[in-house]
């Protein structure tokens, strides 16, 4: 029979799980998970890290006055933390005795194809029963995240889908990126660290003459072009940029906070990368890109409409180019338009 405390904690854990799986906000899910485990495992320090490239990013933490613990770092280079690297490589949890009374447990949280996060628990060495229950809760959490991934991503490319964009644009507009995030390298190129005072940027992309590709080479090669282009997107943009496929040959990128010069430069670099890529059988493929500033002051339909107008201008004036909406307005090449909630992309 469970101890009274554990029985009460189990009831609370089940209630928290019910609440956790009732919404889709990943940050709130993470905080709820850590808070639930902290209630379950008394006298513990619990930290959840999300894995992004070669970094572990702090997502949530709870500390109930456990010795041996320090303030969690906001960002950790995985290669600098051998205990993290070992868990990721082995895909198995590790347990380390800090002293006769205290242990550190690092548990990997599995995504569909790779480790998505790491949970670090420092607690009393005698709390084996609570740790067993914690592992079960993490399995439920992992399974739920995988279900979210399936509903939020495009089947062919693995990029985020249109529904996810519609559901999260307003949140992305108000998201404040940590100004202390270090420079992230992108294929030997880098952008300055994002600052909460800088804007996001919305880029709408369209493959030029994609119908001609399908008609001439068949839909199988057309799908291969879409898949290879999505892989190029992952290589050319930062982990913190959001990549979407809207359907067909249409893609959207929400660039994390940066300067207009850097946004334009990285989009131009991507356009050039696609132009110079040798697609099997198809050969040369080009894309047109329109982008606009996301200042958070306008409604989402207006912001999307601006990037869409810049894309249309690019396609109508030669294709295979990057056009900036605000720049086109300043040059008198476009007139400012009013967009409503009924605006349709492409």
Protein backbone atom coordinates (compact mmCIF):
# COMPACT_ATOMS: atom_id res chain seq x y z
CA UNK A 1 0.00 0.00 0.00
CA UNK A 2 1.25 3.47 -0.81
CA UNK A 3 2.34 5.77 2.00
CA UNK A 4 -0.23 8.50 2.80
CA UNK A 5 1.98 11.20 1.33
CA UNK A 6 2.59 9.24 -1.87
CA UNK A 7 -1.09 8.38 -2.17
CA UNK A 8 -1.99 12.08 -1.91
CA UNK A 9 0.78 12.99 -4.35
CA UNK A 10 -0.43 10.37 -6.81
CA UNK A 11 -3.92 11.85 -6.75
CA UNK A 12 -2.50 15.31 -7.37
CA UNK A 13 -0.26 13.96 -10.14
CA UNK A 14 -3.23 12.43 -11.93
CA UNK A 15 -5.14 15.69 -11.66
CA UNK A 16 -2.15 17.58 -13.06
CA UNK A 17 -1.80 15.11 -15.92
CA UNK A 18 -5.45 15.58 -16.81
CA UNK A 19 -4.94 19.34 -16.91
CA UNK A 20 -1.61 19.05 -18.76
CA UNK A 21 -3.02 16.99 -21.63
CA UNK A 22 -5.96 19.36 -21.99
CA UNK A 23 -4.01 22.07 -23.82
CA UNK A 24 -1.34 22.38 -26.53
CA UNK A 25 1.02 25.07 -25.23
CA UNK A 26 4.40 23.33 -24.93
CA UNK A 27 5.89 25.82 -22.48
CA UNK A 28 2.91 25.48 -20.17
CA UNK A 29 3.11 21.70 -20.56
CA UNK A 30 6.75 21.77 -19.47
CA UNK A 31 6.08 23.96 -16.43
CA UNK A 32 3.12 21.79 -15.41
CA UNK A 33 5.25 18.65 -15.74
CA UNK A 34 8.03 19.99 -13.53
CA UNK A 35 5.58 21.35 -10.96
CA UNK A 36 3.78 17.98 -10.86
CA UNK A 37 7.01 16.05 -10.35
CA UNK A 38 8.13 18.50 -7.67
CA UNK A 39 4.88 17.85 -5.77
CA UNK A 40 5.40 14.13 -6.14
CA UNK A 41 9.07 14.05 -5.11
CA UNK A 42 9.51 16.12 -1.95
CA UNK A 43 12.88 17.68 -1.18
CA UNK A 44 13.94 17.74 -4.79
CA UNK A 45 15.48 20.01 -7.37
CA UNK A 46 14.00 19.36 -10.83
CA UNK A 47 15.10 20.97 -14.09
CA UNK A 48 13.85 20.41 -17.64
CA UNK A 49 16.04 21.20 -20.64
CA UNK A 50 14.88 21.24 -24.26
CA UNK A 51 17.46 20.17 -26.84
CA UNK A 52 18.10 22.52 -29.76
CA UNK A 53 20.98 21.52 -31.99
CA UNK A 54 24.07 21.25 -29.82
CA UNK A 55 22.50 23.16 -26.91
CA UNK A 56 20.32 22.29 -23.94
CA UNK A 57 17.93 25.19 -23.24
CA UNK A 58 16.38 25.65 -19.79
CA UNK A 59 12.59 25.36 -19.99
CA UNK A 60 11.35 24.93 -16.40
CA UNK A 61 12.70 24.30 -12.91
CA UNK A 62 11.60 23.77 -9.31
CA UNK A 63 14.01 23.69 -6.36
CA UNK A 64 12.90 22.60 -2.89
CA UNK A 65 16.07 23.48 -0.98
CA UNK A 66 18.24 20.52 -1.96
CA UNK A 67 21.98 20.80 -1.18
CA UNK A 68 24.49 20.35 -4.03
CA UNK A 69 22.30 22.36 -6.40
CA UNK A 70 23.23 25.59 -8.12
CA UNK A 71 21.21 28.06 -10.13
CA UNK A 72 20.42 26.30 -13.42
CA UNK A 73 22.17 27.69 -16.50
CA UNK A 74 19.86 29.11 -19.17
CA UNK A 75 21.84 27.45 -21.97
CA UNK A 76 24.36 24.60 -21.89
CA UNK A 77 26.60 23.41 -24.72
CA UNK A 78 26.01 19.67 -24.68
CA UNK A 79 29.61 18.78 -25.58
CA UNK A 80 30.72 20.69 -22.46
CA UNK A 81 28.51 18.60 -20.16
CA UNK A 82 29.62 14.99 -20.46
CA UNK A 83 26.77 13.63 -18.31
CA UNK A 84 24.29 15.16 -20.76
CA UNK A 85 26.16 13.86 -23.80
CA UNK A 86 26.34 10.36 -22.34
CA UNK A 87 22.58 10.20 -21.75
CA UNK A 88 21.84 11.52 -25.25
CA UNK A 89 24.24 9.09 -26.93
CA UNK A 90 23.05 6.05 -24.95
CA UNK A 91 19.38 7.15 -24.92
CA UNK A 92 19.27 5.79 -21.34
CA UNK A 93 18.93 7.55 -17.99
CA UNK A 94 21.86 7.95 -15.63
CA UNK A 95 21.89 7.86 -11.82
CA UNK A 96 24.78 9.38 -9.88
CA UNK A 97 25.26 9.40 -6.11
CA UNK A 98 26.15 12.89 -4.91
CA UNK A 99 26.57 11.65 -1.35
CA UNK A 100 25.10 8.94 0.92
CA UNK A 101 21.68 10.65 1.00
CA UNK A 102 21.37 12.33 -2.39
CA UNK A 103 21.26 11.19 -6.01
CA UNK A 104 21.11 12.91 -9.38
CA UNK A 105 18.95 11.32 -12.06
CA UNK A 106 19.08 12.45 -15.71
CA UNK A 107 16.20 11.05 -17.76
CA UNK A 108 15.98 11.45 -21.56
CA UNK A 109 12.59 12.40 -23.00
CA UNK A 110 12.19 10.71 -26.35
CA UNK A 111 10.82 12.44 -29.42
CA UNK A 112 9.71 10.63 -32.56
CA UNK A 113 13.25 10.14 -33.87
CA UNK A 114 15.64 11.64 -31.32
CA UNK A 115 15.98 12.79 -27.74
CA UNK A 116 13.86 15.93 -27.40
CA UNK A 117 14.61 16.95 -23.81
CA UNK A 118 16.43 16.03 -20.60
CA UNK A 119 14.95 16.00 -17.11
CA UNK A 120 17.36 16.38 -14.20
CA UNK A 121 16.18 15.32 -10.73
CA UNK A 122 18.26 15.74 -7.59
CA UNK A 123 16.56 14.08 -4.64
CA UNK A 124 16.78 11.78 -1.64
CA UNK A 125 18.32 8.42 -2.51
CA UNK A 126 15.45 6.59 -0.77
CA UNK A 127 12.70 7.93 -3.04
CA UNK A 128 12.76 4.97 -5.42
CA UNK A 129 8.97 4.56 -5.49
CA UNK A 130 8.42 8.21 -6.34
CA UNK A 131 11.08 8.03 -9.06
CA UNK A 132 9.34 5.03 -10.58
CA UNK A 133 6.08 6.98 -10.75
CA UNK A 134 7.96 9.96 -12.18
CA UNK A 135 9.25 7.78 -15.03
CA UNK A 136 5.68 6.71 -15.83
CA UNK A 137 4.54 10.33 -15.90
CA UNK A 138 7.42 11.20 -18.24
CA UNK A 139 6.35 8.41 -20.60
CA UNK A 140 2.85 9.90 -20.76
CA UNK A 141 4.35 13.36 -21.32
CA UNK A 142 6.62 12.04 -24.11
CA UNK A 143 3.76 10.22 -25.83
CA UNK A 144 1.61 13.35 -25.68
CA UNK A 145 4.38 15.48 -27.19
CA UNK A 146 4.70 12.98 -30.04
CA UNK A 147 0.96 13.22 -30.69
CA UNK A 148 1.28 17.01 -30.78
CA UNK A 149 4.16 16.70 -33.25
CA UNK A 150 2.06 14.55 -35.56
CA UNK A 151 -0.82 17.03 -35.52
CA UNK A 152 1.39 20.10 -35.91
CA UNK A 153 3.75 18.99 -38.68
CA UNK A 154 3.47 18.44 -42.41
CA UNK A 155 3.59 14.74 -43.31
CA UNK A 156 5.92 15.06 -46.32
CA UNK A 157 8.49 17.61 -45.13
CA UNK A 158 8.29 17.41 -41.34
CA UNK A 159 8.00 21.20 -41.16
CA UNK A 160 5.28 22.84 -39.07
CA UNK A 161 1.93 23.02 -40.85
CA UNK A 162 -0.51 25.83 -41.66
CA UNK A 163 -2.79 25.01 -38.72
CA UNK A 164 0.14 25.38 -36.31
CA UNK A 165 1.01 28.74 -37.86
CA UNK A 166 -2.57 30.00 -37.48
CA UNK A 167 -2.71 28.84 -33.87
CA UNK A 168 0.64 30.28 -32.80
CA UNK A 169 1.32 33.47 -34.76
CA UNK A 170 -0.01 35.78 -32.06
CA UNK A 171 2.09 34.00 -29.44
CA UNK A 172 5.18 34.29 -31.65
CA UNK A 173 4.55 38.02 -32.01
CA UNK A 174 4.58 38.56 -28.25
CA UNK A 175 7.39 36.13 -27.47
CA UNK A 176 10.39 37.84 -25.86
CA UNK A 177 13.64 36.17 -26.87
CA UNK A 178 16.38 36.27 -24.24
CA UNK A 179 18.80 39.03 -25.29
CA UNK A 180 21.69 37.06 -23.80
CA UNK A 181 21.39 34.11 -26.21
CA UNK A 182 24.79 33.62 -27.86
CA UNK A 183 25.46 33.88 -31.57
CA UNK A 184 24.40 30.69 -33.38
CA UNK A 185 26.46 29.62 -36.36
CA UNK A 186 24.65 28.76 -39.60
CA UNK A 187 26.89 27.13 -42.19
CA UNK A 188 29.80 29.41 -41.24
CA UNK A 189 27.45 32.42 -41.25
CA UNK A 190 26.04 34.03 -38.13
CA UNK A 191 23.54 36.64 -37.08
CA UNK A 192 23.82 38.85 -34.04
CA UNK A 193 22.11 37.48 -30.93
CA UNK A 194 18.38 38.25 -30.89
CA UNK A 195 17.20 41.10 -28.70
CA UNK A 196 13.73 41.65 -27.28
CA UNK A 197 13.90 45.15 -28.78
CA UNK A 198 14.25 43.78 -32.32
CA UNK A 199 11.29 42.55 -34.40
CA UNK A 200 10.39 39.17 -35.83
CA UNK A 201 10.16 38.88 -39.63
CA UNK A 202 7.64 36.92 -41.68
CA UNK A 203 8.83 35.51 -45.03
CA UNK A 204 6.49 33.87 -47.54
CA UNK A 205 8.17 31.66 -50.15
CA UNK A 206 6.91 30.09 -53.36
CA UNK A 207 8.70 27.70 -55.72
CA UNK A 208 8.80 29.25 -59.18
CA UNK A 209 6.97 27.32 -61.93
CA UNK A 210 6.30 24.36 -59.64
CA UNK A 211 3.36 23.21 -61.77
CA UNK A 212 5.74 22.89 -64.68
CA UNK A 213 7.95 20.60 -62.57
CA UNK A 214 5.02 18.34 -61.75
CA UNK A 215 3.79 18.31 -65.34
CA UNK A 216 7.19 17.60 -66.89
CA UNK A 217 8.73 15.22 -64.36
CA UNK A 218 5.75 13.88 -62.40
CA UNK A 219 4.52 14.34 -58.85
CA UNK A 220 7.09 11.94 -57.40
CA UNK A 221 9.93 14.26 -58.43
CA UNK A 222 7.83 17.25 -57.39
CA UNK A 223 7.55 15.79 -53.89
CA UNK A 224 11.30 15.19 -53.86
CA UNK A 225 11.86 18.87 -54.64
CA UNK A 226 9.63 19.83 -51.70
CA UNK A 227 11.45 17.44 -49.39
CA UNK A 228 14.94 18.58 -50.42
CA UNK A 229 13.94 22.23 -50.18
CA UNK A 230 12.67 21.68 -46.62
CA UNK A 231 16.02 20.12 -45.71
CA UNK A 232 17.80 23.15 -47.12
CA UNK A 233 15.56 25.34 -44.95
CA UNK A 234 16.66 23.50 -41.81
CA UNK A 235 20.33 23.94 -42.76
CA UNK A 236 20.06 27.65 -43.54
CA UNK A 237 17.90 28.98 -40.71
CA UNK A 238 18.45 29.12 -36.97
CA UNK A 239 16.95 26.64 -34.53
CA UNK A 240 14.88 29.51 -33.11
CA UNK A 241 13.37 30.41 -36.51
CA UNK A 242 9.98 28.78 -37.20
CA UNK A 243 9.63 26.88 -40.49
CA UNK A 244 6.25 26.07 -42.02
CA UNK A 245 4.83 24.39 -45.10
CA UNK A 246 1.46 25.87 -45.98
CA UNK A 247 0.67 23.23 -48.58
CA UNK A 248 1.60 22.81 -52.22
CA UNK A 249 4.79 24.71 -53.05
CA UNK A 250 4.24 27.44 -50.43
CA UNK A 251 6.46 27.86 -47.36
CA UNK A 252 6.67 30.39 -44.55
CA UNK A 253 9.51 31.30 -42.21
CA UNK A 254 9.13 33.36 -39.04
CA UNK A 255 12.60 34.71 -38.33
CA UNK A 256 13.48 35.19 -34.70
CA UNK A 257 14.22 38.73 -33.55
CA UNK A 258 16.97 40.33 -35.63
CA UNK A 259 17.78 43.42 -37.70
CA UNK A 260 16.24 44.08 -41.13
CA UNK A 261 19.68 43.88 -42.74
CA UNK A 262 20.30 40.43 -41.26
CA UNK A 263 16.81 39.18 -42.14
CA UNK A 264 17.31 40.26 -45.75
CA UNK A 265 20.78 38.73 -45.86
CA UNK A 266 19.76 35.31 -44.58
CA UNK A 267 16.76 35.14 -46.94
CA UNK A 268 18.94 36.11 -49.89
CA UNK A 269 21.47 33.48 -48.85
CA UNK A 270 18.73 30.85 -48.80
CA UNK A 271 17.43 31.95 -52.22
CA UNK A 272 20.96 31.61 -53.61
CA UNK A 273 21.39 28.20 -51.98
CA UNK A 274 18.26 26.90 -53.71
CA UNK A 275 19.26 28.42 -57.06
CA UNK A 276 22.65 26.69 -56.94
CA UNK A 277 21.33 23.32 -55.69
CA UNK A 278 21.22 20.49 -58.23
CA UNK A 279 17.87 18.79 -57.73
CA UNK A 280 17.95 15.18 -59.04
CA UNK A 281 16.40 14.84 -62.51
CA UNK A 282 14.79 18.29 -62.21
CA UNK A 283 18.03 20.28 -62.12
CA UNK A 284 17.70 24.01 -61.40
CA UNK A 285 14.87 25.28 -59.20
CA UNK A 286 14.32 28.85 -58.04
CA UNK A 287 12.13 30.47 -55.40
CA UNK A 288 10.54 33.88 -54.90
CA UNK A 289 10.38 35.39 -51.41
CA UNK A 290 8.42 38.25 -49.90
CA UNK A 291 8.96 39.34 -46.32
CA UNK A 292 7.66 41.92 -43.86
CA UNK A 293 8.30 43.13 -40.35
CA UNK A 294 6.22 41.64 -37.52
CA UNK A 295 5.93 44.56 -35.14
CA UNK A 296 3.11 43.13 -33.05
CA UNK A 297 0.94 46.21 -33.51
CA UNK A 298 -1.20 44.84 -36.34
CA UNK A 299 -3.49 41.83 -36.52
CA UNK A 300 -2.09 38.59 -38.00
CA UNK A 301 -4.05 38.83 -41.27
CA UNK A 302 -2.53 42.27 -41.96
CA UNK A 303 0.98 41.03 -41.25
CA UNK A 304 0.61 37.95 -43.47
CA UNK A 305 -0.99 40.07 -46.20
CA UNK A 306 2.03 42.37 -46.33
CA UNK A 307 4.50 39.54 -46.84
CA UNK A 308 2.14 38.05 -49.41
CA UNK A 309 2.04 41.34 -51.36
CA UNK A 310 5.84 41.44 -51.42
CA UNK A 311 5.87 37.84 -52.72
CA UNK A 312 3.44 38.72 -55.51
CA UNK A 313 5.63 41.67 -56.48
CA UNK A 314 8.67 39.36 -56.64
CA UNK A 315 6.85 36.88 -58.88
CA UNK A 316 5.41 39.55 -61.15
CA UNK A 317 8.77 41.25 -61.64
CA UNK A 318 11.04 38.42 -62.72
CA UNK A 319 10.77 35.78 -59.92
CA UNK A 320 13.85 34.30 -58.19
CA UNK A 321 14.29 37.30 -55.89
CA UNK A 322 13.68 38.53 -52.34
CA UNK A 323 11.38 41.54 -51.87
CA UNK A 324 10.85 43.49 -48.63
CA UNK A 325 7.33 44.90 -48.18
CA UNK A 326 8.30 48.03 -46.23
CA UNK A 327 11.12 48.68 -48.70
CA UNK A 328 8.73 48.44 -51.65
CA UNK A 329 6.36 50.89 -49.93
CA UNK A 330 9.22 53.35 -49.28
CA UNK A 331 10.31 53.15 -52.92
CA UNK A 332 6.77 53.75 -54.17
CA UNK A 333 6.61 50.34 -55.89
CA UNK A 334 3.67 49.24 -53.73
CA UNK A 335 0.90 51.20 -52.07
CA UNK A 336 -0.09 50.33 -48.51
CA UNK A 337 -3.23 48.21 -48.41
CA UNK A 338 -5.73 47.29 -45.73
CA UNK A 339 -6.06 43.58 -45.00
CA UNK A 340 -8.98 41.94 -43.22
CA UNK A 341 -9.46 38.58 -41.54
CA UNK A 342 -10.73 37.31 -44.90
CA UNK A 343 -7.32 37.69 -46.57
CA UNK A 344 -6.25 34.56 -48.40
CA UNK A 345 -2.64 33.61 -48.99
CA UNK A 346 -1.49 32.93 -52.54
